């Protein structure tokens, strides 16, 4: 059955072999027509057949991604969904909870791909997976690079920016409890000076104070120098919240050192308390 679904006609074989030999993963309908010396409607027929047999997947209007021959007909899992999402717009990066899951900072099951871009785009649906578009302030659109996702190049925020973004927008990471878990799980892999540089660059006192409080909460291995740099952002005035906008019954309350109001409850943050220390000990062990 698997062999039958992947069997190819002569025209289809030429397209797959041409892409494989050229080490390419993308093709558009015009290139199909030119390669086979056929009309565009005939090229559309070949493309439809290759999609039905599991060799091509639509990335955007008129453009398609090859599913490599060595990955079989069911190759289009979550990782290749990232490759499809990456073709929606440019510039962009995959971030927030999606990047955290890719790096192994969370085990939460994801049914949303978070795509960050300064371009105005509508949310999309790719094979029952929602692609949510986030338009950040331009000063926050940095610290991303290409990563290899099963042979596809995808632009993704780095470790430090991923964690910072999740704390800045917990709603894009599964909530404040999950954002704290992401920080704790990542804490032994972060370049803390780089994280401090990023927070300085963003220039948000509220973000720096939330990050500092959560770093203490998870017992992250953060050097005193970094902690002092973060604390320079603390000033008098309204207290930013760690958690929902309005305090929950049983919320933790105010912290005088970081000058934040923890509106989350101890139960919401219990899974992350001391997590950074536990990860560091496990890594050293």
Protein backbone atom coordinates (compact mmCIF):
# COMPACT_ATOMS: atom_id res chain seq x y z
CA UNK A 1 0.00 0.00 0.00
CA UNK A 2 2.81 2.41 0.89
CA UNK A 3 4.57 1.58 -2.38
CA UNK A 4 1.38 2.14 -4.34
CA UNK A 5 0.71 5.58 -2.81
CA UNK A 6 4.28 6.68 -3.57
CA UNK A 7 4.47 5.23 -7.11
CA UNK A 8 5.16 7.86 -9.75
CA UNK A 9 4.38 8.46 -13.40
CA UNK A 10 7.27 9.43 -15.73
CA UNK A 11 6.38 13.15 -15.43
CA UNK A 12 6.11 12.93 -11.65
CA UNK A 13 9.42 11.06 -11.40
CA UNK A 14 11.20 13.77 -13.38
CA UNK A 15 10.02 16.46 -10.95
CA UNK A 16 10.98 14.52 -7.81
CA UNK A 17 14.36 13.44 -9.22
CA UNK A 18 15.15 16.97 -10.46
CA UNK A 19 14.50 18.45 -7.02
CA UNK A 20 16.42 15.67 -5.25
CA UNK A 21 19.46 15.90 -7.56
CA UNK A 22 19.55 19.70 -7.23
CA UNK A 23 19.13 19.37 -3.43
CA UNK A 24 16.13 21.70 -3.61
CA UNK A 25 13.00 21.53 -1.50
CA UNK A 26 10.75 24.06 -3.28
CA UNK A 27 9.23 24.40 -6.71
CA UNK A 28 6.48 26.48 -8.29
CA UNK A 29 3.98 25.60 -11.00
CA UNK A 30 5.87 27.57 -13.68
CA UNK A 31 9.05 25.58 -12.99
CA UNK A 32 7.07 22.34 -13.23
CA UNK A 33 5.73 23.38 -16.62
CA UNK A 34 9.18 24.42 -17.86
CA UNK A 35 10.91 21.27 -16.57
CA UNK A 36 8.39 19.01 -18.29
CA UNK A 37 7.83 21.32 -21.30
CA UNK A 38 4.08 21.25 -20.75
CA UNK A 39 1.32 23.82 -20.30
CA UNK A 40 0.44 25.33 -16.93
CA UNK A 41 -2.88 23.45 -16.72
CA UNK A 42 -1.00 20.20 -17.40
CA UNK A 43 1.54 21.17 -14.72
CA UNK A 44 -1.33 21.70 -12.29
CA UNK A 45 -2.49 18.14 -13.00
CA UNK A 46 0.99 16.77 -12.20
CA UNK A 47 1.14 18.84 -9.01
CA UNK A 48 -2.29 17.63 -7.88
CA UNK A 49 -1.20 14.04 -8.41
CA UNK A 50 2.08 14.54 -6.49
CA UNK A 51 0.16 16.13 -3.62
CA UNK A 52 -2.33 13.27 -3.57
CA UNK A 53 0.51 10.73 -3.43
CA UNK A 54 2.26 12.60 -0.61
CA UNK A 55 5.28 14.00 -2.46
CA UNK A 56 4.41 17.70 -2.49
CA UNK A 57 2.68 19.98 -0.02
CA UNK A 58 1.40 23.47 -0.79
CA UNK A 59 3.48 26.18 0.90
CA UNK A 60 1.84 29.27 -0.59
CA UNK A 61 -0.04 30.21 -3.73
CA UNK A 62 1.64 28.38 -6.63
CA UNK A 63 4.62 27.16 -4.53
CA UNK A 64 5.14 23.69 -3.13
CA UNK A 65 7.53 21.87 -0.79
CA UNK A 66 9.00 18.47 -1.59
CA UNK A 67 8.60 15.75 1.01
CA UNK A 68 11.96 13.96 0.67
CA UNK A 69 11.85 10.39 -0.70
CA UNK A 70 13.55 8.98 2.42
CA UNK A 71 10.84 10.30 4.73
CA UNK A 72 7.89 8.32 3.36
CA UNK A 73 4.30 9.37 2.67
CA UNK A 74 3.58 10.40 6.25
CA UNK A 75 6.57 12.74 6.49
CA UNK A 76 4.59 15.92 6.94
CA UNK A 77 4.51 16.03 10.73
CA UNK A 78 4.88 19.01 13.06
CA UNK A 79 8.43 19.84 11.96
CA UNK A 80 7.51 20.13 8.29
CA UNK A 81 4.48 22.19 9.27
CA UNK A 82 7.03 24.73 10.50
CA UNK A 83 8.58 24.73 7.03
CA UNK A 84 5.18 25.39 5.49
CA UNK A 85 4.41 28.17 7.96
CA UNK A 86 7.77 29.77 7.24
CA UNK A 87 6.70 30.42 3.64
CA UNK A 88 3.78 32.64 4.64
CA UNK A 89 5.75 35.89 4.79
CA UNK A 90 9.19 37.47 5.10
CA UNK A 91 10.83 38.69 7.27
CA UNK A 92 9.62 36.43 10.05
CA UNK A 93 10.67 34.10 12.79
CA UNK A 94 9.03 31.15 14.50
CA UNK A 95 8.84 32.04 18.18
CA UNK A 96 7.11 31.87 21.55
CA UNK A 97 5.71 28.48 22.55
CA UNK A 98 6.51 26.94 19.15
CA UNK A 99 10.23 27.73 19.45
CA UNK A 100 10.23 26.66 23.11
CA UNK A 101 8.78 23.29 22.12
CA UNK A 102 11.36 22.90 19.33
CA UNK A 103 14.20 23.53 21.79
CA UNK A 104 12.74 21.11 24.33
CA UNK A 105 11.92 23.77 26.94
CA UNK A 106 8.32 22.57 27.19
CA UNK A 107 6.49 19.30 26.67
CA UNK A 108 3.11 20.97 26.26
CA UNK A 109 1.29 19.67 23.19
CA UNK A 110 1.03 22.41 20.57
CA UNK A 111 -1.79 22.94 18.10
CA UNK A 112 -0.69 26.49 17.22
CA UNK A 113 2.36 27.76 15.36
CA UNK A 114 3.44 31.26 16.44
CA UNK A 115 4.81 33.24 13.49
CA UNK A 116 6.37 36.61 14.35
CA UNK A 117 6.63 39.26 11.63
CA UNK A 118 6.37 43.04 11.20
CA UNK A 119 4.18 42.37 8.14
CA UNK A 120 0.41 42.47 8.48
CA UNK A 121 -0.90 39.01 7.70
CA UNK A 122 -4.00 37.08 8.62
CA UNK A 123 -3.88 33.92 10.70
CA UNK A 124 -3.75 30.75 8.61
CA UNK A 125 -4.75 27.12 8.92
CA UNK A 126 -2.27 24.47 7.76
CA UNK A 127 -3.56 20.91 7.97
CA UNK A 128 -5.73 21.58 11.02
CA UNK A 129 -2.89 23.52 12.71
CA UNK A 130 -3.52 27.20 13.30
CA UNK A 131 -0.74 29.65 12.41
CA UNK A 132 -1.11 32.70 14.64
CA UNK A 133 0.56 35.90 13.45
CA UNK A 134 2.21 38.20 16.02
CA UNK A 135 3.20 41.75 15.03
CA UNK A 136 5.70 42.95 17.65
CA UNK A 137 7.09 46.44 18.11
CA UNK A 138 10.07 46.80 15.76
CA UNK A 139 12.47 47.11 18.70
CA UNK A 140 11.50 43.55 19.69
CA UNK A 141 12.04 42.04 16.25
CA UNK A 142 15.57 40.69 16.54
CA UNK A 143 17.66 37.70 17.76
CA UNK A 144 16.64 35.04 15.28
CA UNK A 145 18.55 32.80 12.90
CA UNK A 146 18.14 29.86 10.54
CA UNK A 147 17.79 26.42 12.12
CA UNK A 148 17.60 23.09 10.33
CA UNK A 149 14.25 21.35 10.82
CA UNK A 150 14.57 17.93 9.18
CA UNK A 151 16.25 19.36 6.11
CA UNK A 152 14.22 22.56 5.87
CA UNK A 153 15.66 25.95 6.79
CA UNK A 154 13.39 27.75 9.22
CA UNK A 155 14.06 31.10 10.90
CA UNK A 156 13.57 30.83 14.67
CA UNK A 157 14.26 32.99 17.70
CA UNK A 158 17.35 31.92 19.66
CA UNK A 159 17.21 30.39 23.14
CA UNK A 160 17.43 33.67 25.02
CA UNK A 161 14.92 35.57 22.91
CA UNK A 162 12.50 32.65 22.96
CA UNK A 163 12.39 32.68 26.76
CA UNK A 164 12.17 36.47 26.94
CA UNK A 165 9.33 36.52 24.39
CA UNK A 166 7.41 33.88 26.35
CA UNK A 167 7.67 35.98 29.53
CA UNK A 168 6.73 39.12 27.61
CA UNK A 169 3.67 37.41 26.07
CA UNK A 170 2.67 34.43 28.25
CA UNK A 171 -0.53 34.14 26.23
CA UNK A 172 1.65 32.95 23.33
CA UNK A 173 3.35 30.35 25.50
CA UNK A 174 0.48 28.58 27.26
CA UNK A 175 0.03 31.01 30.15
CA UNK A 176 2.22 32.40 32.93
CA UNK A 177 2.68 28.99 34.57
CA UNK A 178 4.01 27.50 31.34
CA UNK A 179 6.19 30.57 30.65
CA UNK A 180 7.80 30.05 34.08
CA UNK A 181 8.38 26.36 33.30
CA UNK A 182 10.02 27.34 29.99
CA UNK A 183 12.39 29.70 31.83
CA UNK A 184 13.23 27.04 34.41
CA UNK A 185 13.79 24.31 31.81
CA UNK A 186 15.98 26.61 29.68
CA UNK A 187 17.93 28.21 32.52
CA UNK A 188 20.97 25.92 32.28
CA UNK A 189 21.22 26.54 28.52
CA UNK A 190 20.95 30.33 28.47
CA UNK A 191 23.70 32.86 27.91
CA UNK A 192 22.63 35.15 30.75
CA UNK A 193 24.72 38.12 29.64
CA UNK A 194 23.12 37.88 26.21
CA UNK A 195 19.69 37.73 27.84
CA UNK A 196 20.49 40.88 29.82
CA UNK A 197 21.66 42.59 26.61
CA UNK A 198 18.39 41.70 24.92
CA UNK A 199 16.31 43.05 27.79
CA UNK A 200 18.35 46.26 27.82
CA UNK A 201 17.77 46.57 24.08
CA UNK A 202 14.00 46.10 24.40
CA UNK A 203 14.00 48.75 27.11
CA UNK A 204 10.92 47.62 29.01
CA UNK A 205 11.05 48.05 32.78
CA UNK A 206 7.98 45.81 33.21
CA UNK A 207 9.57 43.00 31.19
CA UNK A 208 12.89 43.25 33.08
CA UNK A 209 11.12 43.09 36.44
CA UNK A 210 8.92 40.13 35.44
CA UNK A 211 11.95 38.31 34.08
CA UNK A 212 13.96 39.02 37.23
CA UNK A 213 11.22 37.84 39.58
CA UNK A 214 10.60 34.66 37.58
CA UNK A 215 14.34 33.94 37.41
CA UNK A 216 14.46 34.09 41.20
CA UNK A 217 11.29 32.01 41.43
CA UNK A 218 12.75 29.16 39.33
CA UNK A 219 16.14 29.51 41.10
CA UNK A 220 17.90 30.13 37.79
CA UNK A 221 21.73 30.05 37.83
CA UNK A 222 21.89 33.77 37.07
CA UNK A 223 25.11 35.60 37.98
CA UNK A 224 24.91 38.51 40.42
CA UNK A 225 26.12 40.82 37.64
CA UNK A 226 23.11 39.93 35.49
CA UNK A 227 20.71 40.23 38.40
CA UNK A 228 22.06 43.70 39.15
CA UNK A 229 21.68 44.74 35.52
CA UNK A 230 18.06 43.61 35.51
CA UNK A 231 17.42 45.39 38.80
CA UNK A 232 18.51 48.70 37.29
CA UNK A 233 15.21 48.68 35.41
CA UNK A 234 13.26 48.78 38.69
CA UNK A 235 11.74 52.14 39.55
CA UNK A 236 8.84 53.56 41.51
CA UNK A 237 5.36 53.76 40.08
CA UNK A 238 2.71 51.25 39.13
CA UNK A 239 3.60 47.60 39.70
CA UNK A 240 3.61 45.41 36.56
CA UNK A 241 1.81 42.12 37.02
CA UNK A 242 3.15 38.58 36.83
CA UNK A 243 0.00 36.75 35.79
CA UNK A 244 -3.44 37.96 34.74
CA UNK A 245 -4.31 41.66 34.65
CA UNK A 246 -6.55 41.21 37.69
CA UNK A 247 -5.34 39.31 40.75
CA UNK A 248 -6.78 35.83 41.19
CA UNK A 249 -8.16 34.72 44.57
CA UNK A 250 -5.18 33.40 46.49
CA UNK A 251 -2.65 35.26 44.34
CA UNK A 252 0.89 35.58 45.73
CA UNK A 253 0.88 39.38 46.01
CA UNK A 254 3.53 42.11 45.78
CA UNK A 255 7.30 41.64 45.73
CA UNK A 256 9.21 44.62 47.10
CA UNK A 257 12.62 43.82 45.54
CA UNK A 258 11.47 43.56 41.92
CA UNK A 259 8.44 45.80 42.49
CA UNK A 260 6.00 43.50 40.74
CA UNK A 261 2.54 42.29 41.67
CA UNK A 262 2.24 38.52 41.34
CA UNK A 263 -1.39 38.05 40.37
CA UNK A 264 -0.88 34.34 39.70
CA UNK A 265 -1.51 31.85 42.49
CA UNK A 266 1.05 29.56 44.08
CA UNK A 267 -0.74 26.62 42.44
CA UNK A 268 -0.27 28.13 38.98
CA UNK A 269 3.48 28.51 39.57
CA UNK A 270 4.11 25.41 41.68
CA UNK A 271 5.45 23.35 38.77
CA UNK A 272 8.19 25.90 38.09
CA UNK A 273 9.36 26.70 41.65
CA UNK A 274 13.06 25.83 41.90
CA UNK A 275 13.02 24.23 38.44
CA UNK A 276 16.18 26.03 37.32
CA UNK A 277 18.13 24.60 40.24
CA UNK A 278 16.87 21.08 39.51
CA UNK A 279 17.87 21.35 35.86
CA UNK A 280 21.32 22.67 36.74
CA UNK A 281 21.95 19.86 39.22
CA UNK A 282 20.79 17.27 36.68
CA UNK A 283 23.06 18.76 34.01
CA UNK A 284 26.07 18.74 36.31
CA UNK A 285 25.27 15.21 37.39
